[in-house]
Amino acid sequence: MNQILQNIHEIGIVPVLVIDRVDLAVPLAKILKESGMPCAEIAFRTDEAAQVIGIMKKEYPDMLVGAGTVLTIDQVKAAVEQGADFIVSPGFNPSVVQYCVDHDILIMPGAVNPSDVERALELGLEAVKFFPVIANGGLDAIRYLSGPYSNLRFMPTGGIHTGNMNEYLDCPIILAVGGDWMVEGSLIKEGRLDQIKALVEESVAAMLGFELAHVGLNCEGEKDAQEAAERFAGIFGVPTAGYPGAVFAGTMLEAVKQPVYGTAGHIGIYTNSVERAVRYLNDRGYTCREESRQYRADGRLSCVYLEEEIGGFAIHLLQK
């Protein structure tokens, strides 16, 4: 997959900004980047769109900034001149798409029917926009459409919000979701940055869905692990279950027979997406132990340990 598309996939949410206040370009970019959503699609619905892209890319060059609602080749040129990383269009305009392909510009055009999808594949595109998703049948429509075209990924927008986004993000054919629910035009116009920040953070938290899975306790062999698990189980009235490397007491305690990570043990944390959680934490300076990565049969990252320890406990990320 194209590296920019891979980055978008790992970020998970592409906020769509309709902004005519150039003075808010940097503050908004700062909120998005620091809140775990280092990406923006600047809609070409205002005269200031290209300028905003340029300002954001100059201030935060490693942030992904694209141009949305792109309808003409001139808009593509204006966006790219300002450093846009990608182009998004609401429909499939053959001349705009062909120009981007000819000039090696990443574009995700709108595609909601087999004809659009086949044109996208013929031009070598890896991802398309699906807009408006709710009006066109939602996730079921995307699933049906993708059936014969398994190599294409979709970015749905138009009706996505915090309450339904994970339904889409859990689907392997979804690249990411897009929308303006956390950066509504009225909030931008009124400069309500605190509210935007709260909504962005809420969306990121809902996407990642961190929850405590269990506590892992390092033990000295099988006998010690069995005794620890039985003692815990006896206190809280939960069953024990033995596995090759550990004994569980309910779902709360994992007594590890042969410790691998963590001086005292580990803390298991569930997340909606280990891959996106790793990206989010890496952006905050927390690295994972590469050798600890484990994958499911479908290629999805299922668990990984962080280098970080807290009170002698390693952090273990687990796919829900």
C-alpha atoms as a PDB file:
ATOM      1  CA  MET A   1       0.000   0.000   0.000  1.00  0.00           C
ATOM      2  CA  ASN A   2       1.107   3.549  -0.737  1.00  0.00           C
ATOM      3  CA  GLN A   3       2.853   4.930   2.360  1.00  0.00           C
ATOM      4  CA  ILE A   4       0.536   7.926   2.673  1.00  0.00           C
ATOM      5  CA  LEU A   5      -2.473   5.607   2.504  1.00  0.00           C
ATOM      6  CA  GLN A   6      -0.864   3.373   5.129  1.00  0.00           C
ATOM      7  CA  ASN A   7      -0.381   6.401   7.381  1.00  0.00           C
ATOM      8  CA  ILE A   8      -4.013   7.428   6.874  1.00  0.00           C
ATOM      9  CA  HIS A   9      -5.104   3.891   7.723  1.00  0.00           C
ATOM     10  CA  GLU A  10      -3.100   3.931  10.947  1.00  0.00           C
ATOM     11  CA  ILE A  11      -4.442   7.347  11.956  1.00  0.00           C
ATOM     12  CA  GLY A  12      -7.965   6.080  11.310  1.00  0.00           C
ATOM     13  CA  ILE A  13      -9.890   9.363  11.170  1.00  0.00           C
ATOM     14  CA  VAL A  14      -9.509  12.094   8.546  1.00  0.00           C
ATOM     15  CA  PRO A  15     -11.094  15.327   9.809  1.00  0.00           C
ATOM     16  CA  VAL A  16     -12.636  17.441   7.058  1.00  0.00           C
ATOM     17  CA  LEU A  17     -12.148  21.158   7.677  1.00  0.00           C
ATOM     18  CA  VAL A  18     -14.086  23.929   5.961  1.00  0.00           C
ATOM     19  CA  ILE A  19     -12.024  26.916   7.041  1.00  0.00           C
ATOM     20  CA  ASP A  20     -11.965  30.540   5.936  1.00  0.00           C
ATOM     21  CA  ARG A  21     -10.055  31.835   8.963  1.00  0.00           C
ATOM     22  CA  VAL A  22      -6.386  31.695   8.085  1.00  0.00           C
ATOM     23  CA  ASP A  23      -5.510  32.767  11.620  1.00  0.00           C
ATOM     24  CA  LEU A  24      -6.826  29.448  12.928  1.00  0.00           C
ATOM     25  CA  ALA A  25      -4.796  27.227  10.590  1.00  0.00           C
ATOM     26  CA  VAL A  26      -1.911  26.703  13.004  1.00  0.00           C
ATOM     27  CA  PRO A  27      -4.012  26.365  16.211  1.00  0.00           C
ATOM     28  CA  LEU A  28      -6.252  23.789  14.524  1.00  0.00           C
ATOM     29  CA  ALA A  29      -3.292  21.827  13.177  1.00  0.00           C
ATOM     30  CA  LYS A  30      -1.756  21.872  16.660  1.00  0.00           C
ATOM     31  CA  ILE A  31      -4.952  20.500  18.218  1.00  0.00           C
ATOM     32  CA  LEU A  32      -5.223  17.707  15.661  1.00  0.00           C
ATOM     33  CA  LYS A  33      -1.577  16.690  15.913  1.00  0.00           C
ATOM     34  CA  GLU A  34      -1.322  16.804  19.702  1.00  0.00           C
ATOM     35  CA  SER A  35      -4.670  15.061  20.214  1.00  0.00           C
ATOM     36  CA  GLY A  36      -3.791  11.998  18.156  1.00  0.00           C
ATOM     37  CA  MET A  37      -5.312  12.928  14.801  1.00  0.00           C
ATOM     38  CA  PRO A  38      -2.298  14.250  12.822  1.00  0.00           C
ATOM     39  CA  CYS A  39      -4.196  14.569   9.567  1.00  0.00           C
ATOM     40  CA  ALA A  40      -6.500  17.083   7.894  1.00  0.00           C
ATOM     41  CA  GLU A  41      -8.506  17.291   4.706  1.00  0.00           C
ATOM     42  CA  ILE A  42      -8.957  20.969   3.840  1.00  0.00           C
ATOM     43  CA  ALA A  43     -12.117  21.329   1.786  1.00  0.00           C
ATOM     44  CA  PHE A  44     -11.916  23.580  -1.279  1.00  0.00           C
ATOM     45  CA  ARG A  45     -15.153  25.281  -0.315  1.00  0.00           C
ATOM     46  CA  THR A  46     -13.442  28.519   0.686  1.00  0.00           C
ATOM     47  CA  ASP A  47     -11.039  30.841  -1.092  1.00  0.00           C
ATOM     48  CA  GLU A  48      -8.535  30.328   1.713  1.00  0.00           C
ATOM     49  CA  ALA A  49      -8.253  26.534   1.365  1.00  0.00           C
ATOM     50  CA  ALA A  50      -4.939  26.421  -0.511  1.00  0.00           C
ATOM     51  CA  GLN A  51      -3.370  28.992   1.797  1.00  0.00           C
ATOM     52  CA  VAL A  52      -4.451  27.012   4.862  1.00  0.00           C
ATOM     53  CA  ILE A  53      -2.810  23.877   3.452  1.00  0.00           C
ATOM     54  CA  GLY A  54       0.434  25.782   2.940  1.00  0.00           C
ATOM     55  CA  ILE A  55       0.403  27.218   6.462  1.00  0.00           C
ATOM     56  CA  MET A  56      -0.278  23.846   8.086  1.00  0.00           C
ATOM     57  CA  LYS A  57       2.430  22.067   6.077  1.00  0.00           C
ATOM     58  CA  LYS A  58       4.975  24.769   6.833  1.00  0.00           C
ATOM     59  CA  GLU A  59       4.295  24.668  10.571  1.00  0.00           C
ATOM     60  CA  TYR A  60       3.860  20.880  10.807  1.00  0.00           C
ATOM     61  CA  PRO A  61       5.660  19.294   7.833  1.00  0.00           C
ATOM     62  CA  ASP A  62       5.205  15.750   9.150  1.00  0.00           C
ATOM     63  CA  MET A  63       1.443  16.132   9.460  1.00  0.00           C
ATOM     64  CA  LEU A  64      -0.683  14.720   6.641  1.00  0.00           C
ATOM     65  CA  VAL A  65      -2.600  17.554   5.008  1.00  0.00           C
ATOM     66  CA  GLY A  66      -4.747  16.950   1.963  1.00  0.00           C
ATOM     67  CA  ALA A  67      -7.196  18.855  -0.206  1.00  0.00           C
ATOM     68  CA  GLY A  68     -10.853  17.845  -0.256  1.00  0.00           C
ATOM     69  CA  THR A  69     -13.885  18.716  -2.382  1.00  0.00           C
ATOM     70  CA  VAL A  70     -11.485  19.080  -5.305  1.00  0.00           C
ATOM     71  CA  LEU A  71     -13.435  19.583  -8.531  1.00  0.00           C
ATOM     72  CA  THR A  72     -10.908  20.930 -11.035  1.00  0.00           C
ATOM     73  CA  ILE A  73      -7.343  20.446 -12.198  1.00  0.00           C
ATOM     74  CA  ASP A  74      -6.577  24.039 -11.205  1.00  0.00           C
ATOM     75  CA  GLN A  75      -7.556  23.204  -7.633  1.00  0.00           C
ATOM     76  CA  VAL A  76      -5.276  20.169  -7.717  1.00  0.00           C
ATOM     77  CA  LYS A  77      -2.399  22.376  -8.874  1.00  0.00           C
ATOM     78  CA  ALA A  78      -3.103  24.994  -6.194  1.00  0.00           C
ATOM     79  CA  ALA A  79      -3.211  22.358  -3.464  1.00  0.00           C
ATOM     80  CA  VAL A  80      -0.046  20.583  -4.578  1.00  0.00           C
ATOM     81  CA  GLU A  81       1.830  23.870  -4.880  1.00  0.00           C
ATOM     82  CA  GLN A  82       1.065  24.429  -1.197  1.00  0.00           C
ATOM     83  CA  GLY A  83       2.351  20.983  -0.237  1.00  0.00           C
ATOM     84  CA  ALA A  84      -0.840  18.891  -0.145  1.00  0.00           C
ATOM     85  CA  ASP A  85      -0.103  15.213   0.514  1.00  0.00           C
ATOM     86  CA  PHE A  86      -3.265  13.885  -1.125  1.00  0.00           C
ATOM     87  CA  ILE A  87      -6.355  14.895  -3.060  1.00  0.00           C
ATOM     88  CA  VAL A  88      -9.948  13.876  -2.337  1.00  0.00           C
ATOM     89  CA  SER A  89     -12.857  14.517  -4.676  1.00  0.00           C
ATOM     90  CA  PRO A  90     -16.559  13.893  -4.000  1.00  0.00           C
ATOM     91  CA  GLY A  91     -17.133  12.187  -7.352  1.00  0.00           C
ATOM     92  CA  PHE A  92     -15.154  10.545 -10.130  1.00  0.00           C
ATOM     93  CA  ASN A  93     -14.087  13.309 -12.496  1.00  0.00           C
ATOM     94  CA  PRO A  94     -12.066  11.528 -15.210  1.00  0.00           C
ATOM     95  CA  SER A  95      -9.939  14.557 -16.150  1.00  0.00           C
ATOM     96  CA  VAL A  96      -9.028  15.351 -12.528  1.00  0.00           C
ATOM     97  CA  VAL A  97      -8.217  11.729 -11.705  1.00  0.00           C
ATOM     98  CA  GLN A  98      -6.183  11.250 -14.885  1.00  0.00           C
ATOM     99  CA  TYR A  99      -4.193  14.431 -14.189  1.00  0.00           C
ATOM    100  CA  CYS A 100      -3.324  13.192 -10.701  1.00  0.00           C
ATOM    101  CA  VAL A 101      -2.331   9.756 -11.973  1.00  0.00           C
ATOM    102  CA  ASP A 102      -0.175  11.260 -14.733  1.00  0.00           C
ATOM    103  CA  HIS A 103       1.610  13.510 -12.210  1.00  0.00           C
ATOM    104  CA  ASP A 104       1.988  10.890  -9.457  1.00  0.00           C
ATOM    105  CA  ILE A 105      -0.391  12.704  -7.105  1.00  0.00           C
ATOM    106  CA  LEU A 106      -2.290  10.548  -4.638  1.00  0.00           C
ATOM    107  CA  ILE A 107      -6.018  10.935  -5.214  1.00  0.00           C
ATOM    108  CA  MET A 108      -9.062   9.304  -3.647  1.00  0.00           C
ATOM    109  CA  PRO A 109     -12.016  10.092  -5.914  1.00  0.00           C
ATOM    110  CA  GLY A 110     -15.602   9.365  -4.991  1.00  0.00           C
ATOM    111  CA  ALA A 111     -16.791   5.929  -6.106  1.00  0.00           C
ATOM    112  CA  VAL A 112     -20.173   4.499  -5.119  1.00  0.00           C
ATOM    113  CA  ASN A 113     -20.944   2.121  -7.982  1.00  0.00           C
ATOM    114  CA  PRO A 114     -19.175  -0.653  -9.924  1.00  0.00           C
ATOM    115  CA  SER A 115     -18.425   1.577 -12.921  1.00  0.00           C
ATOM    116  CA  ASP A 116     -16.572   4.117 -10.753  1.00  0.00           C
ATOM    117  CA  VAL A 117     -14.718   1.360  -8.927  1.00  0.00           C
ATOM    118  CA  GLU A 118     -13.608  -0.301 -12.160  1.00  0.00           C
ATOM    119  CA  ARG A 119     -12.332   3.005 -13.525  1.00  0.00           C
ATOM    120  CA  ALA A 120     -10.399   3.507 -10.295  1.00  0.00           C
ATOM    121  CA  LEU A 121      -8.831   0.067 -10.519  1.00  0.00           C
ATOM    122  CA  GLU A 122      -8.014   0.531 -14.204  1.00  0.00           C
ATOM    123  CA  LEU A 123      -6.000   3.628 -13.265  1.00  0.00           C
ATOM    124  CA  GLY A 124      -4.161   1.769 -10.506  1.00  0.00           C
ATOM    125  CA  LEU A 125      -5.830   3.474  -7.542  1.00  0.00           C
ATOM    126  CA  GLU A 126      -5.703   1.704  -4.196  1.00  0.00           C
ATOM    127  CA  ALA A 127      -8.392   3.647  -2.325  1.00  0.00           C
ATOM    128  CA  VAL A 128     -11.501   5.669  -3.081  1.00  0.00           C
ATOM    129  CA  LYS A 129     -13.904   7.870  -1.169  1.00  0.00           C
ATOM    130  CA  PHE A 130     -17.461   6.611  -0.586  1.00  0.00           C
ATOM    131  CA  PHE A 131     -19.706   9.662  -0.267  1.00  0.00           C
ATOM    132  CA  PRO A 132     -22.257  10.185   1.118  1.00  0.00           C
ATOM    133  CA  VAL A 133     -22.083   6.836   2.846  1.00  0.00           C
ATOM    134  CA  ILE A 134     -25.347   6.850   4.806  1.00  0.00           C
ATOM    135  CA  ALA A 135     -27.416   8.022   1.857  1.00  0.00           C
ATOM    136  CA  ASN A 136     -25.841   5.303  -0.291  1.00  0.00           C
ATOM    137  CA  GLY A 137     -26.573   2.370   1.994  1.00  0.00           C
ATOM    138  CA  GLY A 138     -23.900   2.526   4.688  1.00  0.00           C
ATOM    139  CA  LEU A 139     -21.408  -0.216   5.435  1.00  0.00           C
ATOM    140  CA  ASP A 140     -23.545  -2.951   3.883  1.00  0.00           C
ATOM    141  CA  ALA A 141     -23.441  -1.126   0.557  1.00  0.00           C
ATOM    142  CA  ILE A 142     -19.645  -0.878   0.725  1.00  0.00           C
ATOM    143  CA  ARG A 143     -19.363  -4.580   1.548  1.00  0.00           C
ATOM    144  CA  TYR A 144     -21.553  -5.569  -1.387  1.00  0.00           C
ATOM    145  CA  LEU A 145     -19.710  -3.219  -3.720  1.00  0.00           C
ATOM    146  CA  SER A 146     -16.302  -4.462  -2.642  1.00  0.00           C
ATOM    147  CA  GLY A 147     -17.160  -8.122  -3.209  1.00  0.00           C
ATOM    148  CA  PRO A 148     -15.686  -8.406  -6.726  1.00  0.00           C
ATOM    149  CA  TYR A 149     -13.024  -5.774  -6.007  1.00  0.00           C
ATOM    150  CA  SER A 150     -11.183  -7.035  -2.937  1.00  0.00           C
ATOM    151  CA  ASN A 151      -7.999  -5.057  -3.667  1.00  0.00           C
ATOM    152  CA  LEU A 152      -9.643  -1.658  -3.210  1.00  0.00           C
ATOM    153  CA  ARG A 153     -10.014   0.192   0.095  1.00  0.00           C
ATOM    154  CA  PHE A 154     -12.763   2.689   0.899  1.00  0.00           C
ATOM    155  CA  MET A 155     -12.852   5.899   2.929  1.00  0.00           C
ATOM    156  CA  PRO A 156     -16.497   6.586   3.840  1.00  0.00           C
ATOM    157  CA  THR A 157     -17.686  10.090   4.693  1.00  0.00           C
ATOM    158  CA  GLY A 158     -21.050  11.759   5.002  1.00  0.00           C
ATOM    159  CA  GLY A 159     -22.878  10.557   8.105  1.00  0.00           C
ATOM    160  CA  ILE A 160     -19.918   9.189  10.070  1.00  0.00           C
ATOM    161  CA  HIS A 161     -19.714  10.192  13.740  1.00  0.00           C
ATOM    162  CA  THR A 162     -18.291   8.973  17.043  1.00  0.00           C
ATOM    163  CA  GLY A 163     -21.238   6.663  17.607  1.00  0.00           C
ATOM    164  CA  ASN A 164     -20.905   4.647  14.386  1.00  0.00           C
ATOM    165  CA  MET A 165     -17.306   5.050  13.236  1.00  0.00           C
ATOM    166  CA  ASN A 166     -15.996   1.858  14.867  1.00  0.00           C
ATOM    167  CA  GLU A 167     -18.545  -0.198  12.946  1.00  0.00           C
ATOM    168  CA  TYR A 168     -16.755   0.995   9.813  1.00  0.00           C
ATOM    169  CA  LEU A 169     -13.202   0.938  11.167  1.00  0.00           C
ATOM    170  CA  ASP A 170     -13.565  -2.705  12.231  1.00  0.00           C
ATOM    171  CA  CYS A 171     -14.153  -3.687   8.597  1.00  0.00           C
ATOM    172  CA  PRO A 172     -10.902  -4.648   6.791  1.00  0.00           C
ATOM    173  CA  ILE A 173     -11.930  -3.000   3.497  1.00  0.00           C
ATOM    174  CA  ILE A 174     -12.179   0.404   5.203  1.00  0.00           C
ATOM    175  CA  LEU A 175      -9.053   2.525   4.902  1.00  0.00           C
ATOM    176  CA  ALA A 176     -10.204   5.166   7.376  1.00  0.00           C
ATOM    177  CA  VAL A 177     -13.282   7.280   8.034  1.00  0.00           C
ATOM    178  CA  GLY A 178     -13.716  10.957   7.290  1.00  0.00           C
ATOM    179  CA  GLY A 179     -15.992  13.699   8.506  1.00  0.00           C
ATOM    180  CA  ASP A 180     -16.377  17.042  10.201  1.00  0.00           C
ATOM    181  CA  TRP A 181     -18.284  16.058  13.340  1.00  0.00           C
ATOM    182  CA  MET A 182     -15.368  17.133  15.557  1.00  0.00           C
ATOM    183  CA  VAL A 183     -14.387  20.196  13.481  1.00  0.00           C
ATOM    184  CA  GLU A 184     -17.737  21.590  12.383  1.00  0.00           C
ATOM    185  CA  GLY A 185     -17.636  24.767  10.326  1.00  0.00           C
ATOM    186  CA  SER A 186     -19.601  26.729  12.932  1.00  0.00           C
ATOM    187  CA  LEU A 187     -17.085  25.835  15.643  1.00  0.00           C
ATOM    188  CA  ILE A 188     -14.222  26.967  13.419  1.00  0.00           C
ATOM    189  CA  LYS A 189     -15.950  30.216  12.455  1.00  0.00           C
ATOM    190  CA  GLU A 190     -16.573  31.045  16.107  1.00  0.00           C
ATOM    191  CA  GLY A 191     -13.041  30.030  17.133  1.00  0.00           C
ATOM    192  CA  ARG A 192     -14.286  27.535  19.704  1.00  0.00           C
ATOM    193  CA  LEU A 193     -10.960  25.745  19.908  1.00  0.00           C
ATOM    194  CA  ASP A 194     -11.493  24.237  23.366  1.00  0.00           C
ATOM    195  CA  GLN A 195     -14.653  22.520  22.176  1.00  0.00           C
ATOM    196  CA  ILE A 196     -12.940  21.283  19.008  1.00  0.00           C
ATOM    197  CA  LYS A 197     -10.076  19.893  21.085  1.00  0.00           C
ATOM    198  CA  ALA A 198     -12.493  18.071  23.390  1.00  0.00           C
ATOM    199  CA  LEU A 199     -14.370  16.564  20.429  1.00  0.00           C
ATOM    200  CA  VAL A 200     -11.155  15.460  18.712  1.00  0.00           C
ATOM    201  CA  GLU A 201      -9.873  13.820  21.904  1.00  0.00           C
ATOM    202  CA  GLU A 202     -13.243  12.149  22.445  1.00  0.00           C
ATOM    203  CA  SER A 203     -13.178  10.741  18.909  1.00  0.00           C
ATOM    204  CA  VAL A 204      -9.632   9.404  19.254  1.00  0.00           C
ATOM    205  CA  ALA A 205     -10.448   7.802  22.610  1.00  0.00           C
ATOM    206  CA  ALA A 206     -13.563   6.158  21.150  1.00  0.00           C
ATOM    207  CA  MET A 207     -11.598   4.897  18.140  1.00  0.00           C
ATOM    208  CA  LEU A 208      -8.868   3.320  20.271  1.00  0.00           C
ATOM    209  CA  GLY A 209     -11.203   2.084  23.031  1.00  0.00           C
ATOM    210  CA  PHE A 210      -8.507   1.320  25.609  1.00  0.00           C
ATOM    211  CA  GLU A 211      -9.717  -1.015  28.385  1.00  0.00           C
ATOM    212  CA  LEU A 212      -8.001  -3.049  31.076  1.00  0.00           C
ATOM    213  CA  ALA A 213      -7.853  -6.698  29.980  1.00  0.00           C
ATOM    214  CA  HIS A 214      -5.938  -8.352  32.840  1.00  0.00           C
ATOM    215  CA  VAL A 215      -2.886  -8.108  35.059  1.00  0.00           C
ATOM    216  CA  GLY A 216      -0.060 -10.535  34.362  1.00  0.00           C
ATOM    217  CA  LEU A 217       1.959 -11.694  37.370  1.00  0.00           C
ATOM    218  CA  ASN A 218       5.437 -13.122  36.836  1.00  0.00           C
ATOM    219  CA  CYS A 219       5.882 -16.426  38.691  1.00  0.00           C
ATOM    220  CA  GLU A 220       8.750 -18.841  39.195  1.00  0.00           C
ATOM    221  CA  GLY A 221       7.582 -21.841  37.247  1.00  0.00           C
ATOM    222  CA  GLU A 222       4.371 -23.791  36.780  1.00  0.00           C
ATOM    223  CA  LYS A 223       3.783 -24.646  40.446  1.00  0.00           C
ATOM    224  CA  ASP A 224       4.174 -21.050  41.580  1.00  0.00           C
ATOM    225  CA  ALA A 225       1.838 -19.865  38.804  1.00  0.00           C
ATOM    226  CA  GLN A 226      -0.812 -22.460  39.710  1.00  0.00           C
ATOM    227  CA  GLU A 227      -0.684 -21.503  43.388  1.00  0.00           C
ATOM    228  CA  ALA A 228      -0.933 -17.773  42.630  1.00  0.00           C
ATOM    229  CA  ALA A 229      -3.897 -18.250  40.306  1.00  0.00           C
ATOM    230  CA  GLU A 230      -5.734 -20.544  42.745  1.00  0.00           C
ATOM    231  CA  ARG A 231      -5.204 -18.132  45.616  1.00  0.00           C
ATOM    232  CA  PHE A 232      -6.573 -15.232  43.584  1.00  0.00           C
ATOM    233  CA  ALA A 233      -9.454 -17.356  42.330  1.00  0.00           C
ATOM    234  CA  GLY A 234     -10.319 -18.413  45.861  1.00  0.00           C
ATOM    235  CA  ILE A 235     -10.530 -14.831  47.048  1.00  0.00           C
ATOM    236  CA  PHE A 236     -12.766 -13.605  44.225  1.00  0.00           C
ATOM    237  CA  GLY A 237     -14.693 -16.762  43.429  1.00  0.00           C
ATOM    238  CA  VAL A 238     -13.600 -17.146  39.822  1.00  0.00           C
ATOM    239  CA  PRO A 239     -12.463 -20.286  37.961  1.00  0.00           C
ATOM    240  CA  THR A 240      -8.899 -21.075  36.930  1.00  0.00           C
ATOM    241  CA  ALA A 241      -7.816 -22.165  33.480  1.00  0.00           C
ATOM    242  CA  GLY A 242      -4.413 -23.537  32.538  1.00  0.00           C
ATOM    243  CA  TYR A 243      -2.552 -22.717  29.344  1.00  0.00           C
ATOM    244  CA  PRO A 244       0.963 -23.653  28.139  1.00  0.00           C
ATOM    245  CA  GLY A 245       2.542 -20.422  29.345  1.00  0.00           C
ATOM    246  CA  ALA A 246       0.233 -19.267  32.137  1.00  0.00           C
ATOM    247  CA  VAL A 247      -2.652 -19.976  34.470  1.00  0.00           C
ATOM    248  CA  PHE A 248      -5.611 -17.587  34.430  1.00  0.00           C
ATOM    249  CA  ALA A 249      -7.848 -16.745  37.368  1.00  0.00           C
ATOM    250  CA  GLY A 250     -11.042 -15.672  35.641  1.00  0.00           C
ATOM    251  CA  THR A 251     -10.135 -12.969  33.161  1.00  0.00           C
ATOM    252  CA  MET A 252      -8.490 -10.727  35.724  1.00  0.00           C
ATOM    253  CA  LEU A 253      -5.174 -12.395  36.562  1.00  0.00           C
ATOM    254  CA  GLU A 254      -2.659 -14.165  34.345  1.00  0.00           C
ATOM    255  CA  ALA A 255      -0.056 -16.006  36.389  1.00  0.00           C
ATOM    256  CA  VAL A 256       2.872 -16.359  33.980  1.00  0.00           C
ATOM    257  CA  LYS A 257       4.962 -19.526  34.315  1.00  0.00           C
ATOM    258  CA  GLN A 258       8.028 -18.278  32.453  1.00  0.00           C
ATOM    259  CA  PRO A 259       8.261 -14.453  32.475  1.00  0.00           C
ATOM    260  CA  VAL A 260       9.293 -12.692  29.296  1.00  0.00           C
ATOM    261  CA  TYR A 261       8.634  -8.987  29.732  1.00  0.00           C
ATOM    262  CA  GLY A 262       8.260  -6.784  32.776  1.00  0.00           C
ATOM    263  CA  THR A 263      10.185  -7.088  36.031  1.00  0.00           C
ATOM    264  CA  ALA A 264       7.060  -7.904  38.033  1.00  0.00           C
ATOM    265  CA  GLY A 265       4.664  -8.769  35.236  1.00  0.00           C
ATOM    266  CA  HIS A 266       2.548  -7.019  32.663  1.00  0.00           C
ATOM    267  CA  ILE A 267      -0.687  -5.103  32.271  1.00  0.00           C
ATOM    268  CA  GLY A 268      -2.881  -6.247  29.390  1.00  0.00           C
ATOM    269  CA  ILE A 269      -4.765  -3.445  27.645  1.00  0.00           C
ATOM    270  CA  TYR A 270      -7.503  -4.124  25.118  1.00  0.00           C
ATOM    271  CA  THR A 271      -7.876  -1.805  22.151  1.00  0.00           C
ATOM    272  CA  ASN A 272     -10.141  -1.646  19.112  1.00  0.00           C
ATOM    273  CA  SER A 273      -7.056  -1.626  16.880  1.00  0.00           C
ATOM    274  CA  VAL A 274      -3.561  -2.590  17.989  1.00  0.00           C
ATOM    275  CA  GLU A 275      -2.164  -1.114  14.776  1.00  0.00           C
ATOM    276  CA  ARG A 276      -3.761   2.297  15.384  1.00  0.00           C
ATOM    277  CA  ALA A 277      -2.867   2.183  19.070  1.00  0.00           C
ATOM    278  CA  VAL A 278       0.786   1.597  18.179  1.00  0.00           C
ATOM    279  CA  ARG A 279       0.730   4.574  15.802  1.00  0.00           C
ATOM    280  CA  TYR A 280      -0.950   6.772  18.439  1.00  0.00           C
ATOM    281  CA  LEU A 281       1.545   5.790  21.146  1.00  0.00           C
ATOM    282  CA  ASN A 282       4.571   6.031  18.839  1.00  0.00           C
ATOM    283  CA  ASP A 283       3.594   9.621  18.060  1.00  0.00           C
ATOM    284  CA  ARG A 284       3.831  10.229  21.808  1.00  0.00           C
ATOM    285  CA  GLY A 285       7.277   8.742  22.104  1.00  0.00           C
ATOM    286  CA  TYR A 286       6.314   5.242  23.296  1.00  0.00           C
ATOM    287  CA  THR A 287       7.877   2.499  21.202  1.00  0.00           C
ATOM    288  CA  CYS A 288       6.913  -1.151  20.942  1.00  0.00           C
ATOM    289  CA  ARG A 289       9.076  -4.246  21.195  1.00  0.00           C
ATOM    290  CA  GLU A 290       9.253  -5.301  17.567  1.00  0.00           C
ATOM    291  CA  GLU A 291      10.071  -8.909  18.420  1.00  0.00           C
ATOM    292  CA  SER A 292       6.860  -9.186  20.458  1.00  0.00           C
ATOM    293  CA  ARG A 293       4.515  -8.491  17.539  1.00  0.00           C
ATOM    294  CA  GLN A 294       1.966 -11.226  16.818  1.00  0.00           C
ATOM    295  CA  TYR A 295      -0.429 -11.329  13.887  1.00  0.00           C
ATOM    296  CA  ARG A 296      -3.730 -12.991  13.121  1.00  0.00           C
ATOM    297  CA  ALA A 297      -4.237 -15.231  10.115  1.00  0.00           C
ATOM    298  CA  ASP A 298      -5.721 -12.280   8.207  1.00  0.00           C
ATOM    299  CA  GLY A 299      -2.525 -10.282   8.743  1.00  0.00           C
ATOM    300  CA  ARG A 300      -3.900  -7.929  11.390  1.00  0.00           C
ATOM    301  CA  LEU A 301      -1.602  -7.084  14.296  1.00  0.00           C
ATOM    302  CA  SER A 302      -3.147  -8.810  17.324  1.00  0.00           C
ATOM    303  CA  CYS A 303      -0.800  -8.007  20.191  1.00  0.00           C
ATOM    304  CA  VAL A 304       2.457  -6.291  21.046  1.00  0.00           C
ATOM    305  CA  TYR A 305       4.399  -5.154  24.110  1.00  0.00           C
ATOM    306  CA  LEU A 306       5.611  -1.614  24.679  1.00  0.00           C
ATOM    307  CA  GLU A 307       9.171  -0.898  25.765  1.00  0.00           C
ATOM    308  CA  GLU A 308       7.695   1.150  28.591  1.00  0.00           C
ATOM    309  CA  GLU A 309       7.365  -0.317  32.100  1.00  0.00           C
ATOM    310  CA  ILE A 310       5.299   1.123  34.929  1.00  0.00           C
ATOM    311  CA  GLY A 311       6.168   0.027  38.447  1.00  0.00           C
ATOM    312  CA  GLY A 312       7.908  -3.026  37.031  1.00  0.00           C
ATOM    313  CA  PHE A 313       4.963  -3.975  34.799  1.00  0.00           C
ATOM    314  CA  ALA A 314       5.256  -4.093  31.019  1.00  0.00           C
ATOM    315  CA  ILE A 315       2.343  -2.857  28.892  1.00  0.00           C
ATOM    316  CA  HIS A 316       0.743  -5.446  26.606  1.00  0.00           C
ATOM    317  CA  LEU A 317      -1.629  -4.222  23.891  1.00  0.00           C
ATOM    318  CA  LEU A 318      -4.279  -6.732  22.820  1.00  0.00           C
ATOM    319  CA  GLN A 319      -6.824  -6.690  20.009  1.00  0.00           C
ATOM    320  CA  LYS A 320     -10.415  -6.807  21.256  1.00  0.00           C
END
